[in-house]
Amino acid sequence: MTQQGEGTAPPQPSGMNVPRMFKVWGLLAASMLVAALACWAALPKTATPSGEPQALPVGGNLADLVWPEGFDAGREWTSIVIHHSATPSATFEAIRRYHLGLGFEGVGYHFVINNGKAPGTMDGQIIATARWLEQRAGAHTLIDRHPEYNSEGIGICLVGHFEEHEPTPKQMAALEMLVLALAERYDIPLDRIVGHGELKNTKCPGRLFPLEPFVMDLRQAAIRKRLQGAPETP
């Protein structure tokens, strides 16, 4: 009796047609793949908030970023608080790691507007954080007697150190567009659109952030929009 050595093909049971067996298995695998693709195609393609941050693409629709399809707008928002990152540049991931180190559950802001100075970022690009997409309270403005600035306040952070330099024009244009949309949707008055430093003893968002001109620009933009929508009087 001989023993089977390494590399020797094992004996085949009599009557087994190996090529036919492979053909049957191949047809079965192909049919399973077709069925799986058909099931995938039948699934709804509705985009719902996934908990991951979403960035506004160049030329994209702001409403699709702020209120994506499937968005649950259950929370009431009563104010908007503007911050700076106090760093010359930053990526979203760097902010997330820093806030995790502070004990926050991810980024404490609801929106981040980049200045394009960090690799892989774009000047003026708006990022909606998981905190906004999931409609969770902020972790950006802790005031003992006024917790509503976290629970009801929308936190917006512009990347930059505005004690040392001004925000970029693209950042300011993005901020105006975002704040106008949020203020109109949630009926937030101008006196509730504030800088972090107006609420507590901090330099944020920096002495070079043009807060008063920005609020005046918002007022004028809101007036123009209201007049454009008003019927003409005889």
C-alpha atoms as a PDB file:
ATOM      1  CA  MET A   1       0.000   0.000   0.000  1.00  0.00           C
ATOM      2  CA  THR A   2       1.513   3.285  -1.038  1.00  0.00           C
ATOM      3  CA  GLN A   3       1.184   6.470   0.997  1.00  0.00           C
ATOM      4  CA  GLN A   4       0.092   9.797  -0.434  1.00  0.00           C
ATOM      5  CA  GLY A   5       3.021  12.236  -0.434  1.00  0.00           C
ATOM      6  CA  GLU A   6       3.155  16.048  -0.438  1.00  0.00           C
ATOM      7  CA  GLY A   7       1.991  17.578  -3.670  1.00  0.00           C
ATOM      8  CA  THR A   8       0.164  14.410  -4.741  1.00  0.00           C
ATOM      9  CA  ALA A   9      -3.444  14.998  -5.737  1.00  0.00           C
ATOM     10  CA  PRO A  10      -5.894  13.107  -3.546  1.00  0.00           C
ATOM     11  CA  PRO A  11      -7.801  10.320  -5.262  1.00  0.00           C
ATOM     12  CA  GLN A  12     -11.223  11.331  -6.588  1.00  0.00           C
ATOM     13  CA  PRO A  13     -14.322   9.364  -5.675  1.00  0.00           C
ATOM     14  CA  SER A  14     -15.541   7.329  -8.588  1.00  0.00           C
ATOM     15  CA  GLY A  15     -18.298   8.912 -10.642  1.00  0.00           C
ATOM     16  CA  MET A  16     -17.525  12.562  -9.664  1.00  0.00           C
ATOM     17  CA  ASN A  17     -17.396  14.942 -12.617  1.00  0.00           C
ATOM     18  CA  VAL A  18     -15.093  17.718 -11.318  1.00  0.00           C
ATOM     19  CA  PRO A  19     -15.515  20.202 -14.219  1.00  0.00           C
ATOM     20  CA  ARG A  20     -19.301  19.862 -13.998  1.00  0.00           C
ATOM     21  CA  MET A  21     -19.188  20.435 -10.222  1.00  0.00           C
ATOM     22  CA  PHE A  22     -17.224  23.686 -10.648  1.00  0.00           C
ATOM     23  CA  LYS A  23     -19.660  24.817 -13.316  1.00  0.00           C
ATOM     24  CA  VAL A  24     -22.642  24.235 -11.006  1.00  0.00           C
ATOM     25  CA  TRP A  25     -20.997  26.103  -8.150  1.00  0.00           C
ATOM     26  CA  GLY A  26     -20.091  28.983 -10.489  1.00  0.00           C
ATOM     27  CA  LEU A  27     -23.697  29.290 -11.705  1.00  0.00           C
ATOM     28  CA  LEU A  28     -24.927  29.227  -8.118  1.00  0.00           C
ATOM     29  CA  ALA A  29     -22.494  31.963  -7.035  1.00  0.00           C
ATOM     30  CA  ALA A  30     -23.468  34.112 -10.036  1.00  0.00           C
ATOM     31  CA  SER A  31     -27.171  33.776  -9.250  1.00  0.00           C
ATOM     32  CA  MET A  32     -26.557  34.743  -5.606  1.00  0.00           C
ATOM     33  CA  LEU A  33     -24.621  37.825  -6.731  1.00  0.00           C
ATOM     34  CA  VAL A  34     -27.430  38.887  -9.071  1.00  0.00           C
ATOM     35  CA  ALA A  35     -29.967  38.451  -6.267  1.00  0.00           C
ATOM     36  CA  ALA A  36     -27.850  40.521  -3.873  1.00  0.00           C
ATOM     37  CA  LEU A  37     -27.474  43.336  -6.411  1.00  0.00           C
ATOM     38  CA  ALA A  38     -31.213  43.336  -7.026  1.00  0.00           C
ATOM     39  CA  CYS A  39     -31.893  43.655  -3.292  1.00  0.00           C
ATOM     40  CA  TRP A  40     -29.397  46.506  -3.008  1.00  0.00           C
ATOM     41  CA  ALA A  41     -31.008  48.337  -5.924  1.00  0.00           C
ATOM     42  CA  ALA A  42     -34.397  48.036  -4.246  1.00  0.00           C
ATOM     43  CA  LEU A  43     -33.200  49.675  -1.021  1.00  0.00           C
ATOM     44  CA  PRO A  44     -34.237  53.320  -0.490  1.00  0.00           C
ATOM     45  CA  LYS A  45     -31.454  55.783  -1.249  1.00  0.00           C
ATOM     46  CA  THR A  46     -32.658  58.470   1.165  1.00  0.00           C
ATOM     47  CA  ALA A  47     -29.710  60.291   2.704  1.00  0.00           C
ATOM     48  CA  THR A  48     -30.096  60.428   6.478  1.00  0.00           C
ATOM     49  CA  PRO A  49     -27.762  61.894   9.082  1.00  0.00           C
ATOM     50  CA  SER A  50     -25.183  59.241   9.855  1.00  0.00           C
ATOM     51  CA  GLY A  51     -23.388  60.846  12.765  1.00  0.00           C
ATOM     52  CA  GLU A  52     -20.395  61.643  10.555  1.00  0.00           C
ATOM     53  CA  PRO A  53     -19.556  65.279   9.798  1.00  0.00           C
ATOM     54  CA  GLN A  54     -20.723  66.534   6.429  1.00  0.00           C
ATOM     55  CA  ALA A  55     -18.991  69.269   4.419  1.00  0.00           C
ATOM     56  CA  LEU A  56     -20.596  71.616   1.926  1.00  0.00           C
ATOM     57  CA  PRO A  57     -19.132  70.896  -1.519  1.00  0.00           C
ATOM     58  CA  VAL A  58     -18.047  73.786  -3.703  1.00  0.00           C
ATOM     59  CA  GLY A  59     -21.182  75.254  -5.267  1.00  0.00           C
ATOM     60  CA  GLY A  60     -23.364  72.996  -3.109  1.00  0.00           C
ATOM     61  CA  ASN A  61     -26.768  73.836  -1.681  1.00  0.00           C
ATOM     62  CA  LEU A  62     -26.493  75.051   1.916  1.00  0.00           C
ATOM     63  CA  ALA A  63     -29.949  73.707   2.829  1.00  0.00           C
ATOM     64  CA  ASP A  64     -28.853  70.194   1.833  1.00  0.00           C
ATOM     65  CA  LEU A  65     -25.989  70.426   4.322  1.00  0.00           C
ATOM     66  CA  VAL A  66     -27.886  72.044   7.206  1.00  0.00           C
ATOM     67  CA  TRP A  67     -31.172  70.185   6.774  1.00  0.00           C
ATOM     68  CA  PRO A  68     -30.418  66.999   4.817  1.00  0.00           C
ATOM     69  CA  GLU A  69     -33.190  64.680   3.735  1.00  0.00           C
ATOM     70  CA  GLY A  70     -34.358  62.677   6.726  1.00  0.00           C
ATOM     71  CA  PHE A  71     -33.200  65.375   9.175  1.00  0.00           C
ATOM     72  CA  ASP A  72     -35.066  65.396  12.500  1.00  0.00           C
ATOM     73  CA  ALA A  73     -35.489  69.061  13.450  1.00  0.00           C
ATOM     74  CA  GLY A  74     -36.940  68.392  16.866  1.00  0.00           C
ATOM     75  CA  ARG A  75     -34.793  70.743  18.978  1.00  0.00           C
ATOM     76  CA  GLU A  76     -35.567  74.448  19.414  1.00  0.00           C
ATOM     77  CA  TRP A  77     -32.635  76.822  18.889  1.00  0.00           C
ATOM     78  CA  THR A  78     -32.709  80.330  20.358  1.00  0.00           C
ATOM     79  CA  SER A  79     -29.224  81.753  19.832  1.00  0.00           C
ATOM     80  CA  ILE A  80     -26.066  81.540  17.738  1.00  0.00           C
ATOM     81  CA  VAL A  81     -22.635  81.789  19.367  1.00  0.00           C
ATOM     82  CA  ILE A  82     -19.564  82.533  17.245  1.00  0.00           C
ATOM     83  CA  HIS A  83     -16.134  81.182  18.195  1.00  0.00           C
ATOM     84  CA  HIS A  84     -12.626  80.938  16.789  1.00  0.00           C
ATOM     85  CA  SER A  85     -10.335  77.943  17.104  1.00  0.00           C
ATOM     86  CA  ALA A  86      -7.507  80.155  18.484  1.00  0.00           C
ATOM     87  CA  THR A  87      -5.110  78.317  16.163  1.00  0.00           C
ATOM     88  CA  PRO A  88      -3.712  79.604  12.842  1.00  0.00           C
ATOM     89  CA  SER A  89      -4.982  76.461  11.112  1.00  0.00           C
ATOM     90  CA  ALA A  90      -6.730  73.236  12.012  1.00  0.00           C
ATOM     91  CA  THR A  91      -8.361  70.191  10.534  1.00  0.00           C
ATOM     92  CA  PHE A  92     -11.708  68.916  11.733  1.00  0.00           C
ATOM     93  CA  GLU A  93     -10.001  65.823  13.118  1.00  0.00           C
ATOM     94  CA  ALA A  94      -7.569  67.954  15.153  1.00  0.00           C
ATOM     95  CA  ILE A  95     -10.486  69.824  16.741  1.00  0.00           C
ATOM     96  CA  ARG A  96     -12.234  66.535  17.456  1.00  0.00           C
ATOM     97  CA  ARG A  97      -9.180  65.060  19.180  1.00  0.00           C
ATOM     98  CA  TYR A  98      -8.730  68.202  21.269  1.00  0.00           C
ATOM     99  CA  HIS A  99     -12.351  68.192  22.405  1.00  0.00           C
ATOM    100  CA  LEU A 100     -12.238  64.486  23.193  1.00  0.00           C
ATOM    101  CA  GLY A 101      -9.266  65.280  25.425  1.00  0.00           C
ATOM    102  CA  LEU A 102     -11.439  67.816  27.249  1.00  0.00           C
ATOM    103  CA  GLY A 103     -14.006  65.124  27.931  1.00  0.00           C
ATOM    104  CA  PHE A 104     -16.499  66.182  25.246  1.00  0.00           C
ATOM    105  CA  GLU A 105     -18.386  63.689  23.106  1.00  0.00           C
ATOM    106  CA  GLY A 106     -16.740  64.696  19.858  1.00  0.00           C
ATOM    107  CA  VAL A 107     -16.560  68.253  18.509  1.00  0.00           C
ATOM    108  CA  GLY A 108     -18.367  70.684  20.820  1.00  0.00           C
ATOM    109  CA  TYR A 109     -19.510  72.999  18.004  1.00  0.00           C
ATOM    110  CA  HIS A 110     -22.373  72.457  15.606  1.00  0.00           C
ATOM    111  CA  PHE A 111     -20.554  73.938  12.612  1.00  0.00           C
ATOM    112  CA  VAL A 112     -16.926  74.566  11.667  1.00  0.00           C
ATOM    113  CA  ILE A 113     -15.818  76.962   8.910  1.00  0.00           C
ATOM    114  CA  ASN A 114     -12.276  76.337   7.720  1.00  0.00           C
ATOM    115  CA  ASN A 115      -9.703  78.799   6.420  1.00  0.00           C
ATOM    116  CA  GLY A 116      -7.953  76.417   4.041  1.00  0.00           C
ATOM    117  CA  LYS A 117      -4.548  76.702   5.697  1.00  0.00           C
ATOM    118  CA  ALA A 118      -4.308  73.101   6.901  1.00  0.00           C
ATOM    119  CA  PRO A 119      -3.570  70.366   4.334  1.00  0.00           C
ATOM    120  CA  GLY A 120      -6.738  68.884   2.879  1.00  0.00           C
ATOM    121  CA  THR A 121      -8.983  71.794   3.917  1.00  0.00           C
ATOM    122  CA  MET A 122     -10.684  74.496   1.842  1.00  0.00           C
ATOM    123  CA  ASP A 123     -11.099  78.175   2.640  1.00  0.00           C
ATOM    124  CA  GLY A 124     -14.695  78.994   3.559  1.00  0.00           C
ATOM    125  CA  GLN A 125     -15.911  75.404   3.572  1.00  0.00           C
ATOM    126  CA  ILE A 126     -18.700  74.764   6.085  1.00  0.00           C
ATOM    127  CA  ILE A 127     -18.727  71.493   8.014  1.00  0.00           C
ATOM    128  CA  ALA A 128     -21.851  70.318   9.837  1.00  0.00           C
ATOM    129  CA  THR A 129     -20.745  68.221  12.800  1.00  0.00           C
ATOM    130  CA  ALA A 130     -22.340  65.080  14.166  1.00  0.00           C
ATOM    131  CA  ARG A 131     -23.600  67.189  17.062  1.00  0.00           C
ATOM    132  CA  TRP A 132     -25.713  69.209  14.622  1.00  0.00           C
ATOM    133  CA  LEU A 133     -26.830  66.283  12.474  1.00  0.00           C
ATOM    134  CA  GLU A 134     -27.968  64.452  15.599  1.00  0.00           C
ATOM    135  CA  GLN A 135     -29.472  67.653  17.070  1.00  0.00           C
ATOM    136  CA  ARG A 136     -27.572  67.427  20.336  1.00  0.00           C
ATOM    137  CA  ALA A 137     -26.835  70.267  22.743  1.00  0.00           C
ATOM    138  CA  GLY A 138     -23.538  72.048  22.240  1.00  0.00           C
ATOM    139  CA  ALA A 139     -20.395  71.954  24.366  1.00  0.00           C
ATOM    140  CA  HIS A 140     -19.027  75.373  23.475  1.00  0.00           C
ATOM    141  CA  THR A 141     -20.385  78.011  25.892  1.00  0.00           C
ATOM    142  CA  LEU A 142     -20.506  76.884  29.505  1.00  0.00           C
ATOM    143  CA  ILE A 143     -22.139  79.527  31.707  1.00  0.00           C
ATOM    144  CA  ASP A 144     -23.378  78.378  35.107  1.00  0.00           C
ATOM    145  CA  ARG A 145     -26.488  80.557  35.301  1.00  0.00           C
ATOM    146  CA  HIS A 146     -27.259  80.395  31.590  1.00  0.00           C
ATOM    147  CA  PRO A 147     -27.024  76.783  30.390  1.00  0.00           C
ATOM    148  CA  GLU A 148     -29.323  77.669  27.489  1.00  0.00           C
ATOM    149  CA  TYR A 149     -26.340  78.908  25.467  1.00  0.00           C
ATOM    150  CA  ASN A 150     -25.244  75.283  25.255  1.00  0.00           C
ATOM    151  CA  SER A 151     -28.633  73.554  25.250  1.00  0.00           C
ATOM    152  CA  GLU A 152     -30.305  76.021  22.861  1.00  0.00           C
ATOM    153  CA  GLY A 153     -27.347  77.788  21.272  1.00  0.00           C
ATOM    154  CA  ILE A 154     -25.879  76.881  17.893  1.00  0.00           C
ATOM    155  CA  GLY A 155     -22.092  76.952  18.156  1.00  0.00           C
ATOM    156  CA  ILE A 156     -20.166  78.022  15.058  1.00  0.00           C
ATOM    157  CA  CYS A 157     -16.364  77.951  15.059  1.00  0.00           C
ATOM    158  CA  LEU A 158     -14.220  79.679  12.454  1.00  0.00           C
ATOM    159  CA  VAL A 159     -10.751  78.194  12.195  1.00  0.00           C
ATOM    160  CA  GLY A 160      -8.159  80.862  12.908  1.00  0.00           C
ATOM    161  CA  HIS A 161      -6.603  82.939  15.668  1.00  0.00           C
ATOM    162  CA  PHE A 162      -8.386  86.266  15.429  1.00  0.00           C
ATOM    163  CA  GLU A 163      -6.258  87.891  18.089  1.00  0.00           C
ATOM    164  CA  GLU A 164      -3.477  87.691  15.500  1.00  0.00           C
ATOM    165  CA  HIS A 165      -5.184  87.905  12.115  1.00  0.00           C
ATOM    166  CA  GLU A 166      -8.620  88.494  10.603  1.00  0.00           C
ATOM    167  CA  PRO A 167     -10.861  85.755   9.235  1.00  0.00           C
ATOM    168  CA  THR A 168     -10.653  85.276   5.492  1.00  0.00           C
ATOM    169  CA  PRO A 169     -13.263  86.906   3.223  1.00  0.00           C
ATOM    170  CA  LYS A 170     -14.480  83.451   2.218  1.00  0.00           C
ATOM    171  CA  GLN A 171     -14.959  82.494   5.854  1.00  0.00           C
ATOM    172  CA  MET A 172     -17.002  85.630   6.508  1.00  0.00           C
ATOM    173  CA  ALA A 173     -19.127  85.072   3.402  1.00  0.00           C
ATOM    174  CA  ALA A 174     -19.781  81.475   4.482  1.00  0.00           C
ATOM    175  CA  LEU A 175     -20.594  82.597   8.037  1.00  0.00           C
ATOM    176  CA  GLU A 176     -23.069  85.219   6.830  1.00  0.00           C
ATOM    177  CA  MET A 177     -24.809  82.724   4.566  1.00  0.00           C
ATOM    178  CA  LEU A 178     -25.019  80.129   7.350  1.00  0.00           C
ATOM    179  CA  VAL A 179     -26.158  82.511  10.104  1.00  0.00           C
ATOM    180  CA  LEU A 180     -28.829  84.100   7.892  1.00  0.00           C
ATOM    181  CA  ALA A 181     -30.244  80.680   7.052  1.00  0.00           C
ATOM    182  CA  LEU A 182     -30.254  79.531  10.679  1.00  0.00           C
ATOM    183  CA  ALA A 183     -31.674  82.798  12.028  1.00  0.00           C
ATOM    184  CA  GLU A 184     -34.503  82.744   9.522  1.00  0.00           C
ATOM    185  CA  ARG A 185     -35.354  79.075  10.079  1.00  0.00           C
ATOM    186  CA  TYR A 186     -35.388  79.298  13.884  1.00  0.00           C
ATOM    187  CA  ASP A 187     -36.513  82.920  14.228  1.00  0.00           C
ATOM    188  CA  ILE A 188     -33.353  83.974  16.070  1.00  0.00           C
ATOM    189  CA  PRO A 189     -33.150  87.780  16.579  1.00  0.00           C
ATOM    190  CA  LEU A 190     -29.969  89.765  15.965  1.00  0.00           C
ATOM    191  CA  ASP A 191     -29.366  90.355  19.676  1.00  0.00           C
ATOM    192  CA  ARG A 192     -29.096  86.585  20.106  1.00  0.00           C
ATOM    193  CA  ILE A 193     -26.298  86.313  17.534  1.00  0.00           C
ATOM    194  CA  VAL A 194     -23.279  86.850  19.746  1.00  0.00           C
ATOM    195  CA  GLY A 195     -19.575  86.340  20.100  1.00  0.00           C
ATOM    196  CA  HIS A 196     -18.369  83.978  22.805  1.00  0.00           C
ATOM    197  CA  GLY A 197     -16.609  86.848  24.595  1.00  0.00           C
ATOM    198  CA  GLU A 198     -19.867  88.750  25.006  1.00  0.00           C
ATOM    199  CA  LEU A 199     -21.167  86.012  27.286  1.00  0.00           C
ATOM    200  CA  LYS A 200     -18.165  85.276  29.476  1.00  0.00           C
ATOM    201  CA  ASN A 201     -14.639  86.477  30.203  1.00  0.00           C
ATOM    202  CA  THR A 202     -12.814  85.177  27.149  1.00  0.00           C
ATOM    203  CA  LYS A 203     -11.124  86.759  24.142  1.00  0.00           C
ATOM    204  CA  CYS A 204     -12.966  84.414  21.772  1.00  0.00           C
ATOM    205  CA  PRO A 205     -13.628  85.021  18.872  1.00  0.00           C
ATOM    206  CA  GLY A 206     -10.742  87.505  19.006  1.00  0.00           C
ATOM    207  CA  ARG A 207     -10.325  91.277  18.796  1.00  0.00           C
ATOM    208  CA  LEU A 208      -9.823  91.149  15.021  1.00  0.00           C
ATOM    209  CA  PHE A 209     -13.114  89.393  14.384  1.00  0.00           C
ATOM    210  CA  PRO A 210     -15.433  92.114  12.975  1.00  0.00           C
ATOM    211  CA  LEU A 211     -18.440  91.293  15.144  1.00  0.00           C
ATOM    212  CA  GLU A 212     -20.299  94.616  15.008  1.00  0.00           C
ATOM    213  CA  PRO A 213     -19.889  95.098  11.226  1.00  0.00           C
ATOM    214  CA  PHE A 214     -20.901  91.471  10.760  1.00  0.00           C
ATOM    215  CA  VAL A 215     -24.144  91.908  12.706  1.00  0.00           C
ATOM    216  CA  MET A 216     -24.879  95.107  10.774  1.00  0.00           C
ATOM    217  CA  ASP A 217     -24.304  93.237   7.508  1.00  0.00           C
ATOM    218  CA  LEU A 218     -26.749  90.581   8.698  1.00  0.00           C
ATOM    219  CA  ARG A 219     -29.342  93.247   9.458  1.00  0.00           C
ATOM    220  CA  GLN A 220     -28.954  94.842   6.035  1.00  0.00           C
ATOM    221  CA  ALA A 221     -29.076  91.469   4.299  1.00  0.00           C
ATOM    222  CA  ALA A 222     -32.257  90.550   6.191  1.00  0.00           C
ATOM    223  CA  ILE A 223     -33.854  93.875   5.257  1.00  0.00           C
ATOM    224  CA  ARG A 224     -32.938  93.422   1.573  1.00  0.00           C
ATOM    225  CA  LYS A 225     -34.405  89.923   1.581  1.00  0.00           C
ATOM    226  CA  ARG A 226     -37.592  91.133   3.237  1.00  0.00           C
ATOM    227  CA  LEU A 227     -37.989  93.982   0.732  1.00  0.00           C
ATOM    228  CA  GLN A 228     -37.368  91.681  -2.222  1.00  0.00           C
ATOM    229  CA  GLY A 229     -40.185  89.425  -1.048  1.00  0.00           C
ATOM    230  CA  ALA A 230     -42.624  92.244  -0.240  1.00  0.00           C
ATOM    231  CA  PRO A 231     -45.299  93.200  -2.819  1.00  0.00           C
ATOM    232  CA  GLU A 232     -44.859  96.586  -4.439  1.00  0.00           C
ATOM    233  CA  THR A 233     -47.184  99.340  -3.239  1.00  0.00           C
ATOM    234  CA  PRO A 234     -48.986 101.543  -5.794  1.00  0.00           C
END
